[in-house]
All heavy atoms as atom14 arrays in JSON, in Angstrom:
{
  "sequence": "GREMLGKKVGILGFGNIGRKLARLFSGFDAEIYAYDPFLTEEQCAAAG",
  "atom14_mask": [
    [1, 1, 1, 1, 0, 0, 0, 0, 0, 0, 0, 0, 0, 0],
    [1, 1, 1, 1, 1, 1, 1, 1, 1, 1, 1, 0, 0, 0],
    [1, 1, 1, 1, 1, 1, 1, 1, 1, 0, 0, 0, 0, 0],
    [1, 1, 1, 1, 1, 1, 1, 1, 0, 0, 0, 0, 0, 0],
    [1, 1, 1, 1, 1, 1, 1, 1, 0, 0, 0, 0, 0, 0],
    [1, 1, 1, 1, 0, 0, 0, 0, 0, 0, 0, 0, 0, 0],
    [1, 1, 1, 1, 1, 1, 1, 1, 1, 0, 0, 0, 0, 0],
    [1, 1, 1, 1, 1, 1, 1, 1, 1, 0, 0, 0, 0, 0],
    [1, 1, 1, 1, 1, 1, 1, 0, 0, 0, 0, 0, 0, 0],
    [1, 1, 1, 1, 0, 0, 0, 0, 0, 0, 0, 0, 0, 0],
    [1, 1, 1, 1, 1, 1, 1, 1, 0, 0, 0, 0, 0, 0],
    [1, 1, 1, 1, 1, 1, 1, 1, 0, 0, 0, 0, 0, 0],
    [1, 1, 1, 1, 0, 0, 0, 0, 0, 0, 0, 0, 0, 0],
    [1, 1, 1, 1, 1, 1, 1, 1, 1, 1, 1, 0, 0, 0],
    [1, 1, 1, 1, 0, 0, 0, 0, 0, 0, 0, 0, 0, 0],
    [1, 1, 1, 1, 1, 1, 1, 1, 0, 0, 0, 0, 0, 0],
    [1, 1, 1, 1, 1, 1, 1, 1, 0, 0, 0, 0, 0, 0],
    [1, 1, 1, 1, 0, 0, 0, 0, 0, 0, 0, 0, 0, 0],
    [1, 1, 1, 1, 1, 1, 1, 1, 1, 1, 1, 0, 0, 0],
    [1, 1, 1, 1, 1, 1, 1, 1, 1, 0, 0, 0, 0, 0],
    [1, 1, 1, 1, 1, 1, 1, 1, 0, 0, 0, 0, 0, 0],
    [1, 1, 1, 1, 1, 0, 0, 0, 0, 0, 0, 0, 0, 0],
    [1, 1, 1, 1, 1, 1, 1, 1, 1, 1, 1, 0, 0, 0],
    [1, 1, 1, 1, 1, 1, 1, 1, 0, 0, 0, 0, 0, 0],
    [1, 1, 1, 1, 1, 1, 1, 1, 1, 1, 1, 0, 0, 0],
    [1, 1, 1, 1, 1, 1, 0, 0, 0, 0, 0, 0, 0, 0],
    [1, 1, 1, 1, 0, 0, 0, 0, 0, 0, 0, 0, 0, 0],
    [1, 1, 1, 1, 1, 1, 1, 1, 1, 1, 1, 0, 0, 0],
    [1, 1, 1, 1, 1, 1, 1, 1, 0, 0, 0, 0, 0, 0],
    [1, 1, 1, 1, 1, 0, 0, 0, 0, 0, 0, 0, 0, 0],
    [1, 1, 1, 1, 1, 1, 1, 1, 1, 0, 0, 0, 0, 0],
    [1, 1, 1, 1, 1, 1, 1, 1, 0, 0, 0, 0, 0, 0],
    [1, 1, 1, 1, 1, 1, 1, 1, 1, 1, 1, 1, 0, 0],
    [1, 1, 1, 1, 1, 0, 0, 0, 0, 0, 0, 0, 0, 0],
    [1, 1, 1, 1, 1, 1, 1, 1, 1, 1, 1, 1, 0, 0],
    [1, 1, 1, 1, 1, 1, 1, 1, 0, 0, 0, 0, 0, 0],
    [1, 1, 1, 1, 1, 1, 1, 0, 0, 0, 0, 0, 0, 0],
    [1, 1, 1, 1, 1, 1, 1, 1, 1, 1, 1, 0, 0, 0],
    [1, 1, 1, 1, 1, 1, 1, 1, 0, 0, 0, 0, 0, 0],
    [1, 1, 1, 1, 1, 1, 1, 0, 0, 0, 0, 0, 0, 0],
    [1, 1, 1, 1, 1, 1, 1, 1, 1, 0, 0, 0, 0, 0],
    [1, 1, 1, 1, 1, 1, 1, 1, 1, 0, 0, 0, 0, 0],
    [1, 1, 1, 1, 1, 1, 1, 1, 1, 0, 0, 0, 0, 0],
    [1, 1, 1, 1, 1, 1, 0, 0, 0, 0, 0, 0, 0, 0],
    [1, 1, 1, 1, 1, 0, 0, 0, 0, 0, 0, 0, 0, 0],
    [1, 1, 1, 1, 1, 0, 0, 0, 0, 0, 0, 0, 0, 0],
    [1, 1, 1, 1, 1, 0, 0, 0, 0, 0, 0, 0, 0, 0],
    [1, 1, 1, 1, 0, 0, 0, 0, 0, 0, 0, 0, 0, 0]
  ],
  "atom14_positions": [
    [[0.8, -1.2, 0.01], [0.03, -0.02, 0.02], [0.85, 1.27, 0.0], [2.07, 1.23, -0.15], [0.0, 0.0, 0.0], [0.0, 0.0, 0.0], [0.0, 0.0, 0.0], [0.0, 0.0, 0.0], [0.0, 0.0, 0.0], [0.0, 0.0, 0.0], [0.0, 0.0, 0.0], [0.0, 0.0, 0.0], [0.0, 0.0, 0.0], [0.0, 0.0, 0.0]],
    [[0.22, 2.42, 0.18], [0.86, 3.71, 0.22], [0.39, 4.38, 1.51], [-0.75, 4.36, 1.89], [0.49, 4.54, -0.99], [1.03, 3.9, -2.29], [0.57, 4.7, -3.46], [0.88, 3.97, -4.67], [1.75, 4.43, -5.62], [2.28, 5.63, -5.44], [2.0, 3.74, -6.65], [0.0, 0.0, 0.0], [0.0, 0.0, 0.0], [0.0, 0.0, 0.0]],
    [[1.32, 5.05, 2.2], [1.02, 5.78, 3.4], [0.56, 7.19, 3.08], [0.92, 7.76, 2.07], [2.24, 5.83, 4.33], [2.67, 4.46, 4.81], [3.79, 4.55, 5.83], [4.27, 5.65, 6.11], [4.22, 3.49, 6.3], [0.0, 0.0, 0.0], [0.0, 0.0, 0.0], [0.0, 0.0, 0.0], [0.0, 0.0, 0.0], [0.0, 0.0, 0.0]],
    [[-0.17, 7.8, 4.03], [-0.56, 9.19, 3.85], [0.32, 10.1, 4.63], [0.14, 11.35, 4.62], [-2.01, 9.32, 4.31], [-3.03, 8.76, 3.36], [-2.84, 9.21, 1.63], [-3.06, 11.01, 1.74], [0.0, 0.0, 0.0], [0.0, 0.0, 0.0], [0.0, 0.0, 0.0], [0.0, 0.0, 0.0], [0.0, 0.0, 0.0], [0.0, 0.0, 0.0]],
    [[1.24, 9.54, 5.41], [2.18, 10.4, 6.2], [2.87, 11.38, 5.27], [3.54, 11.0, 4.29], [3.19, 9.57, 6.96], [2.69, 8.82, 8.16], [3.71, 7.84, 8.67], [2.37, 9.8, 9.28], [0.0, 0.0, 0.0], [0.0, 0.0, 0.0], [0.0, 0.0, 0.0], [0.0, 0.0, 0.0], [0.0, 0.0, 0.0], [0.0, 0.0, 0.0]],
    [[2.72, 12.69, 5.57], [3.43, 13.7, 4.84], [2.91, 13.98, 3.46], [3.48, 14.73, 2.71], [0.0, 0.0, 0.0], [0.0, 0.0, 0.0], [0.0, 0.0, 0.0], [0.0, 0.0, 0.0], [0.0, 0.0, 0.0], [0.0, 0.0, 0.0], [0.0, 0.0, 0.0], [0.0, 0.0, 0.0], [0.0, 0.0, 0.0], [0.0, 0.0, 0.0]],
    [[1.82, 13.32, 3.05], [1.25, 13.53, 1.73], [0.41, 14.79, 1.66], [0.1, 15.37, 2.67], [0.43, 12.32, 1.3], [1.24, 11.0, 1.16], [2.13, 11.01, 0.01], [2.69, 9.64, -0.4], [3.37, 8.91, 0.63], [0.0, 0.0, 0.0], [0.0, 0.0, 0.0], [0.0, 0.0, 0.0], [0.0, 0.0, 0.0], [0.0, 0.0, 0.0]],
    [[0.03, 15.14, 0.46], [-0.87, 16.28, 0.23], [-2.28, 15.76, 0.02], [-2.49, 14.92, -0.84], [-0.41, 17.1, -0.94], [0.94, 17.82, -0.72], [1.34, 18.65, -1.91], [2.65, 19.36, -1.63], [3.11, 20.15, -2.81], [0.0, 0.0, 0.0], [0.0, 0.0, 0.0], [0.0, 0.0, 0.0], [0.0, 0.0, 0.0], [0.0, 0.0, 0.0]],
    [[-3.22, 16.32, 0.74], [-4.62, 15.95, 0.64], [-5.45, 17.14, 0.25], [-5.34, 18.21, 0.85], [-5.13, 15.38, 1.98], [-6.63, 15.08, 1.92], [-4.38, 14.18, 2.42], [0.0, 0.0, 0.0], [0.0, 0.0, 0.0], [0.0, 0.0, 0.0], [0.0, 0.0, 0.0], [0.0, 0.0, 0.0], [0.0, 0.0, 0.0], [0.0, 0.0, 0.0]],
    [[-6.28, 16.99, -0.79], [-7.16, 18.03, -1.21], [-8.6, 17.78, -0.76], [-9.07, 16.67, -1.01], [0.0, 0.0, 0.0], [0.0, 0.0, 0.0], [0.0, 0.0, 0.0], [0.0, 0.0, 0.0], [0.0, 0.0, 0.0], [0.0, 0.0, 0.0], [0.0, 0.0, 0.0], [0.0, 0.0, 0.0], [0.0, 0.0, 0.0], [0.0, 0.0, 0.0]],
    [[-9.24, 18.71, -0.13], [-10.63, 18.57, 0.26], [-11.45, 19.56, -0.51], [-11.27, 20.78, -0.35], [-10.76, 18.76, 1.81], [-9.91, 17.77, 2.56], [-12.24, 18.67, 2.19], [-9.88, 17.93, 4.03], [0.0, 0.0, 0.0], [0.0, 0.0, 0.0], [0.0, 0.0, 0.0], [0.0, 0.0, 0.0], [0.0, 0.0, 0.0], [0.0, 0.0, 0.0]],
    [[-12.42, 19.07, -1.28], [-13.29, 19.96, -2.05], [-14.6, 20.13, -1.28], [-15.35, 19.17, -1.11], [-13.63, 19.35, -3.44], [-12.4, 18.96, -4.3], [-12.9, 18.54, -5.68], [-11.39, 20.08, -4.4], [0.0, 0.0, 0.0], [0.0, 0.0, 0.0], [0.0, 0.0, 0.0], [0.0, 0.0, 0.0], [0.0, 0.0, 0.0], [0.0, 0.0, 0.0]],
    [[-14.85, 21.32, -0.78], [-15.99, 21.57, 0.08], [-15.52, 21.54, 1.55], [-15.12, 20.51, 2.03], [0.0, 0.0, 0.0], [0.0, 0.0, 0.0], [0.0, 0.0, 0.0], [0.0, 0.0, 0.0], [0.0, 0.0, 0.0], [0.0, 0.0, 0.0], [0.0, 0.0, 0.0], [0.0, 0.0, 0.0], [0.0, 0.0, 0.0], [0.0, 0.0, 0.0]],
    [[-15.57, 22.69, 2.22], [-15.05, 22.75, 3.58], [-16.08, 23.15, 4.55], [-15.93, 24.02, 5.39], [-13.86, 23.75, 3.6], [-12.81, 23.37, 4.64], [-12.12, 22.18, 4.56], [-12.55, 24.22, 5.68], [-11.18, 21.8, 5.52], [-11.61, 23.88, 6.64], [-10.9, 22.67, 6.55], [0.0, 0.0, 0.0], [0.0, 0.0, 0.0], [0.0, 0.0, 0.0]],
    [[-17.2, 22.44, 4.52], [-18.26, 22.56, 5.54], [-17.95, 21.66, 6.71], [-16.75, 21.35, 6.96], [0.0, 0.0, 0.0], [0.0, 0.0, 0.0], [0.0, 0.0, 0.0], [0.0, 0.0, 0.0], [0.0, 0.0, 0.0], [0.0, 0.0, 0.0], [0.0, 0.0, 0.0], [0.0, 0.0, 0.0], [0.0, 0.0, 0.0], [0.0, 0.0, 0.0]],
    [[-18.94, 21.23, 7.44], [-18.72, 20.44, 8.65], [-17.98, 19.17, 8.35], [-17.02, 18.78, 9.06], [-20.06, 20.08, 9.3], [-20.69, 21.3, 9.98], [-20.01, 22.22, 10.41], [-22.02, 21.28, 10.07], [0.0, 0.0, 0.0], [0.0, 0.0, 0.0], [0.0, 0.0, 0.0], [0.0, 0.0, 0.0], [0.0, 0.0, 0.0], [0.0, 0.0, 0.0]],
    [[-18.31, 18.45, 7.28], [-17.68, 17.18, 6.96], [-16.24, 17.41, 6.53], [-15.3, 16.76, 6.95], [-18.48, 16.4, 5.89], [-19.85, 16.03, 6.44], [-17.72, 15.12, 5.49], [-20.79, 15.45, 5.42], [0.0, 0.0, 0.0], [0.0, 0.0, 0.0], [0.0, 0.0, 0.0], [0.0, 0.0, 0.0], [0.0, 0.0, 0.0], [0.0, 0.0, 0.0]],
    [[-16.06, 18.39, 5.6], [-14.69, 18.67, 5.16], [-13.77, 19.07, 6.3], [-12.58, 18.64, 6.34], [0.0, 0.0, 0.0], [0.0, 0.0, 0.0], [0.0, 0.0, 0.0], [0.0, 0.0, 0.0], [0.0, 0.0, 0.0], [0.0, 0.0, 0.0], [0.0, 0.0, 0.0], [0.0, 0.0, 0.0], [0.0, 0.0, 0.0], [0.0, 0.0, 0.0]],
    [[-14.29, 19.85, 7.25], [-13.47, 20.23, 8.42], [-13.06, 19.08, 9.3], [-11.96, 18.95, 9.77], [-14.19, 21.31, 9.2], [-14.33, 22.62, 8.5], [-15.27, 23.57, 9.21], [-15.75, 24.59, 8.3], [-15.26, 25.81, 8.26], [-14.31, 26.19, 9.06], [-15.73, 26.65, 7.38], [0.0, 0.0, 0.0], [0.0, 0.0, 0.0], [0.0, 0.0, 0.0]],
    [[-14.05, 18.14, 9.47], [-13.72, 16.98, 10.33], [-12.72, 16.1, 9.63], [-11.82, 15.54, 10.29], [-15.05, 16.2, 10.58], [-15.9, 16.91, 11.57], [-17.08, 16.09, 12.07], [-17.87, 16.99, 12.99], [-18.61, 16.34, 14.0], [0.0, 0.0, 0.0], [0.0, 0.0, 0.0], [0.0, 0.0, 0.0], [0.0, 0.0, 0.0], [0.0, 0.0, 0.0]],
    [[-12.84, 15.95, 8.31], [-11.83, 15.16, 7.55], [-10.44, 15.83, 7.7], [-9.46, 15.09, 7.88], [-12.23, 15.03, 6.11], [-11.32, 14.23, 5.24], [-11.33, 12.73, 5.7], [-11.69, 14.31, 3.8], [0.0, 0.0, 0.0], [0.0, 0.0, 0.0], [0.0, 0.0, 0.0], [0.0, 0.0, 0.0], [0.0, 0.0, 0.0], [0.0, 0.0, 0.0]],
    [[-10.39, 17.13, 7.64], [-9.11, 17.81, 7.81], [-8.45, 17.48, 9.15], [-7.27, 17.25, 9.25], [-9.26, 19.31, 7.61], [0.0, 0.0, 0.0], [0.0, 0.0, 0.0], [0.0, 0.0, 0.0], [0.0, 0.0, 0.0], [0.0, 0.0, 0.0], [0.0, 0.0, 0.0], [0.0, 0.0, 0.0], [0.0, 0.0, 0.0], [0.0, 0.0, 0.0]],
    [[-9.3, 17.48, 10.2], [-8.78, 17.12, 11.53], [-8.25, 15.72, 11.58], [-7.24, 15.47, 12.17], [-9.86, 17.34, 12.57], [-10.15, 18.81, 12.91], [-10.84, 19.02, 14.21], [-12.21, 18.46, 14.24], [-13.28, 19.13, 13.86], [-13.17, 20.34, 13.3], [-14.48, 18.56, 13.91], [0.0, 0.0, 0.0], [0.0, 0.0, 0.0], [0.0, 0.0, 0.0]],
    [[-8.92, 14.8, 10.91], [-8.47, 13.42, 10.91], [-7.14, 13.29, 10.19], [-6.22, 12.65, 10.69], [-9.49, 12.53, 10.2], [-10.77, 12.24, 10.95], [-11.77, 11.51, 10.05], [-10.53, 11.45, 12.22], [0.0, 0.0, 0.0], [0.0, 0.0, 0.0], [0.0, 0.0, 0.0], [0.0, 0.0, 0.0], [0.0, 0.0, 0.0], [0.0, 0.0, 0.0]],
    [[-7.0, 13.99, 9.03], [-5.75, 13.86, 8.26], [-4.61, 14.61, 8.98], [-3.45, 14.31, 8.72], [-5.93, 14.39, 6.85], [-6.35, 13.33, 5.92], [-7.62, 13.36, 5.31], [-5.52, 12.29, 5.59], [-8.01, 12.39, 4.44], [-5.92, 11.26, 4.71], [-7.15, 11.32, 4.13], [0.0, 0.0, 0.0], [0.0, 0.0, 0.0], [0.0, 0.0, 0.0]],
    [[-4.88, 15.57, 9.82], [-3.82, 16.28, 10.52], [-3.01, 15.3, 11.4], [-1.83, 15.49, 11.66], [-4.37, 17.43, 11.38], [-5.14, 16.89, 12.44], [0.0, 0.0, 0.0], [0.0, 0.0, 0.0], [0.0, 0.0, 0.0], [0.0, 0.0, 0.0], [0.0, 0.0, 0.0], [0.0, 0.0, 0.0], [0.0, 0.0, 0.0], [0.0, 0.0, 0.0]],
    [[-3.65, 14.22, 11.8], [-2.95, 13.19, 12.57], [-1.91, 12.43, 11.81], [-1.09, 11.7, 12.35], [0.0, 0.0, 0.0], [0.0, 0.0, 0.0], [0.0, 0.0, 0.0], [0.0, 0.0, 0.0], [0.0, 0.0, 0.0], [0.0, 0.0, 0.0], [0.0, 0.0, 0.0], [0.0, 0.0, 0.0], [0.0, 0.0, 0.0], [0.0, 0.0, 0.0]],
    [[-1.99, 12.51, 10.48], [-1.01, 11.89, 9.61], [0.05, 12.84, 9.15], [0.83, 12.54, 8.18], [-1.73, 11.25, 8.4], [-2.59, 10.1, 8.75], [-3.95, 10.3, 9.04], [-2.08, 8.8, 8.81], [-4.75, 9.19, 9.37], [-2.9, 7.72, 9.13], [-4.2, 7.94, 9.42], [0.0, 0.0, 0.0], [0.0, 0.0, 0.0], [0.0, 0.0, 0.0]],
    [[0.12, 14.03, 9.73], [1.05, 15.06, 9.29], [0.87, 15.36, 7.79], [1.86, 15.68, 7.09], [2.5, 14.69, 9.57], [2.79, 14.66, 11.05], [2.22, 15.47, 11.8], [3.6, 13.78, 11.53], [0.0, 0.0, 0.0], [0.0, 0.0, 0.0], [0.0, 0.0, 0.0], [0.0, 0.0, 0.0], [0.0, 0.0, 0.0], [0.0, 0.0, 0.0]],
    [[-0.32, 15.29, 7.31], [-0.6, 15.54, 5.91], [-0.69, 17.06, 5.71], [-1.07, 17.82, 6.6], [-1.89, 14.87, 5.47], [0.0, 0.0, 0.0], [0.0, 0.0, 0.0], [0.0, 0.0, 0.0], [0.0, 0.0, 0.0], [0.0, 0.0, 0.0], [0.0, 0.0, 0.0], [0.0, 0.0, 0.0], [0.0, 0.0, 0.0], [0.0, 0.0, 0.0]],
    [[-0.27, 17.48, 4.51], [-0.47, 18.87, 4.12], [-1.8, 18.99, 3.49], [-2.11, 18.33, 2.48], [0.63, 19.22, 3.12], [0.83, 20.68, 2.89], [2.04, 21.0, 2.07], [2.91, 20.11, 1.83], [2.1, 22.12, 1.51], [0.0, 0.0, 0.0], [0.0, 0.0, 0.0], [0.0, 0.0, 0.0], [0.0, 0.0, 0.0], [0.0, 0.0, 0.0]],
    [[-2.71, 19.75, 4.09], [-4.11, 19.74, 3.69], [-4.47, 21.03, 2.95], [-4.25, 22.15, 3.4], [-5.03, 19.58, 4.88], [-4.64, 18.33, 5.66], [-6.48, 19.53, 4.5], [-5.2, 18.24, 7.04], [0.0, 0.0, 0.0], [0.0, 0.0, 0.0], [0.0, 0.0, 0.0], [0.0, 0.0, 0.0], [0.0, 0.0, 0.0], [0.0, 0.0, 0.0]],
    [[-4.98, 20.83, 1.75], [-5.5, 21.9, 0.88], [-6.98, 21.88, 0.87], [-7.59, 20.79, 0.76], [-4.95, 21.76, -0.51], [-3.47, 21.95, -0.7], [-2.56, 20.89, -0.31], [-2.91, 23.09, -1.16], [-1.22, 21.05, -0.46], [-1.54, 23.27, -1.3], [-0.67, 22.23, -0.96], [0.63, 22.37, -1.08], [0.0, 0.0, 0.0], [0.0, 0.0, 0.0]],
    [[-7.58, 23.05, 0.92], [-9.06, 23.12, 0.9], [-9.57, 24.03, -0.2], [-9.02, 25.1, -0.41], [-9.58, 23.6, 2.26], [0.0, 0.0, 0.0], [0.0, 0.0, 0.0], [0.0, 0.0, 0.0], [0.0, 0.0, 0.0], [0.0, 0.0, 0.0], [0.0, 0.0, 0.0], [0.0, 0.0, 0.0], [0.0, 0.0, 0.0], [0.0, 0.0, 0.0]],
    [[-10.59, 23.56, -0.92], [-11.25, 24.38, -1.92], [-12.69, 24.57, -1.51], [-13.4, 23.53, -1.27], [-11.2, 23.73, -3.3], [-12.14, 24.39, -4.3], [-11.81, 25.56, -4.91], [-13.39, 23.83, -4.53], [-12.65, 26.18, -5.79], [-14.28, 24.46, -5.39], [-13.93, 25.61, -6.0], [-14.83, 26.27, -6.87], [0.0, 0.0, 0.0], [0.0, 0.0, 0.0]],
    [[-13.15, 25.79, -1.41], [-14.51, 26.13, -1.11], [-14.69, 27.59, -1.49], [-13.95, 28.42, -0.96], [-14.82, 25.92, 0.37], [-16.31, 25.94, 0.67], [-16.97, 26.92, 0.22], [-16.84, 24.99, 1.3], [0.0, 0.0, 0.0], [0.0, 0.0, 0.0], [0.0, 0.0, 0.0], [0.0, 0.0, 0.0], [0.0, 0.0, 0.0], [0.0, 0.0, 0.0]],
    [[-15.65, 27.88, -2.36], [-15.81, 29.29, -2.8], [-16.1, 30.25, -1.65], [-15.85, 31.45, -1.78], [-17.03, 29.22, -3.73], [-17.09, 27.82, -4.19], [-16.58, 26.99, -3.05], [0.0, 0.0, 0.0], [0.0, 0.0, 0.0], [0.0, 0.0, 0.0], [0.0, 0.0, 0.0], [0.0, 0.0, 0.0], [0.0, 0.0, 0.0], [0.0, 0.0, 0.0]],
    [[-16.61, 29.75, -0.54], [-16.98, 30.62, 0.56], [-15.96, 30.62, 1.72], [-16.17, 31.21, 2.76], [-18.36, 30.17, 1.14], [-19.4, 30.16, 0.06], [-19.79, 28.92, -0.49], [-19.98, 31.33, -0.44], [-20.8, 28.92, -1.47], [-20.91, 31.28, -1.42], [-21.33, 30.12, -1.93], [0.0, 0.0, 0.0], [0.0, 0.0, 0.0], [0.0, 0.0, 0.0]],
    [[-14.85, 29.95, 1.48], [-13.83, 29.84, 2.54], [-12.94, 31.06, 2.63], [-12.45, 31.58, 1.59], [-12.94, 28.61, 2.22], [-12.01, 28.06, 3.26], [-12.74, 27.71, 4.54], [-11.25, 26.85, 2.71], [0.0, 0.0, 0.0], [0.0, 0.0, 0.0], [0.0, 0.0, 0.0], [0.0, 0.0, 0.0], [0.0, 0.0, 0.0], [0.0, 0.0, 0.0]],
    [[-12.71, 31.55, 3.82], [-11.84, 32.69, 4.03], [-10.46, 32.27, 4.48], [-10.28, 31.16, 4.98], [-12.44, 33.66, 5.08], [-12.38, 33.03, 6.37], [-13.88, 34.05, 4.75], [0.0, 0.0, 0.0], [0.0, 0.0, 0.0], [0.0, 0.0, 0.0], [0.0, 0.0, 0.0], [0.0, 0.0, 0.0], [0.0, 0.0, 0.0], [0.0, 0.0, 0.0]],
    [[-9.49, 33.16, 4.3], [-8.15, 32.87, 4.78], [-8.09, 32.66, 6.3], [-7.38, 31.84, 6.79], [-7.16, 33.98, 4.38], [-6.97, 34.17, 2.87], [-6.22, 33.01, 2.21], [-5.65, 32.18, 2.97], [-6.18, 32.96, 0.99], [0.0, 0.0, 0.0], [0.0, 0.0, 0.0], [0.0, 0.0, 0.0], [0.0, 0.0, 0.0], [0.0, 0.0, 0.0]],
    [[-8.93, 33.4, 7.01], [-8.95, 33.29, 8.45], [-9.48, 31.89, 8.87], [-8.97, 31.3, 9.83], [-9.89, 34.37, 9.05], [-9.39, 35.78, 8.93], [-9.56, 36.39, 7.51], [-10.41, 35.84, 6.78], [-8.81, 37.3, 7.17], [0.0, 0.0, 0.0], [0.0, 0.0, 0.0], [0.0, 0.0, 0.0], [0.0, 0.0, 0.0], [0.0, 0.0, 0.0]],
    [[-10.53, 31.42, 8.2], [-11.02, 30.06, 8.47], [-9.97, 29.02, 8.18], [-9.85, 28.04, 8.9], [-12.3, 29.81, 7.65], [-13.49, 30.64, 8.11], [-14.65, 30.59, 7.17], [-14.46, 30.5, 5.91], [-15.87, 30.59, 7.65], [0.0, 0.0, 0.0], [0.0, 0.0, 0.0], [0.0, 0.0, 0.0], [0.0, 0.0, 0.0], [0.0, 0.0, 0.0]],
    [[-9.22, 29.2, 7.14], [-8.18, 28.25, 6.76], [-7.11, 28.2, 7.86], [-6.65, 27.15, 8.28], [-7.53, 28.6, 5.43], [-8.57, 28.24, 4.01], [0.0, 0.0, 0.0], [0.0, 0.0, 0.0], [0.0, 0.0, 0.0], [0.0, 0.0, 0.0], [0.0, 0.0, 0.0], [0.0, 0.0, 0.0], [0.0, 0.0, 0.0], [0.0, 0.0, 0.0]],
    [[-6.69, 29.41, 8.28], [-5.65, 29.49, 9.31], [-6.16, 28.82, 10.59], [-5.39, 28.05, 11.23], [-5.31, 30.96, 9.58], [0.0, 0.0, 0.0], [0.0, 0.0, 0.0], [0.0, 0.0, 0.0], [0.0, 0.0, 0.0], [0.0, 0.0, 0.0], [0.0, 0.0, 0.0], [0.0, 0.0, 0.0], [0.0, 0.0, 0.0], [0.0, 0.0, 0.0]],
    [[-7.44, 29.04, 10.98], [-7.95, 28.43, 12.17], [-7.99, 26.94, 12.08], [-7.84, 26.21, 13.07], [-9.37, 29.01, 12.48], [0.0, 0.0, 0.0], [0.0, 0.0, 0.0], [0.0, 0.0, 0.0], [0.0, 0.0, 0.0], [0.0, 0.0, 0.0], [0.0, 0.0, 0.0], [0.0, 0.0, 0.0], [0.0, 0.0, 0.0], [0.0, 0.0, 0.0]],
    [[-8.23, 26.41, 10.85], [-8.34, 24.93, 10.68], [-6.99, 24.3, 10.34], [-6.88, 23.1, 10.24], [-9.33, 24.62, 9.57], [0.0, 0.0, 0.0], [0.0, 0.0, 0.0], [0.0, 0.0, 0.0], [0.0, 0.0, 0.0], [0.0, 0.0, 0.0], [0.0, 0.0, 0.0], [0.0, 0.0, 0.0], [0.0, 0.0, 0.0], [0.0, 0.0, 0.0]],
    [[-5.97, 25.11, 10.16], [-4.66, 24.56, 9.82], [-4.56, 24.02, 8.41], [-3.82, 23.04, 8.21], [0.0, 0.0, 0.0], [0.0, 0.0, 0.0], [0.0, 0.0, 0.0], [0.0, 0.0, 0.0], [0.0, 0.0, 0.0], [0.0, 0.0, 0.0], [0.0, 0.0, 0.0], [0.0, 0.0, 0.0], [0.0, 0.0, 0.0], [0.0, 0.0, 0.0]]
  ]
}
C-alpha cells in the first residue's frame, strides 16, 4: 500500500464534513489543501 504520512490531501468543500476530515488527516502530518468558494483565509488558518 501507500502511506498518507506527509502527503498532500485536497478537500473539495469545507463545511462540517470537510473540516472533520481535515482534523483526521492532521494526525498523519498531511499537508491539507481546501477548496470552497466561501472559505476565508482566516477560516483556513484556524483549521490549519
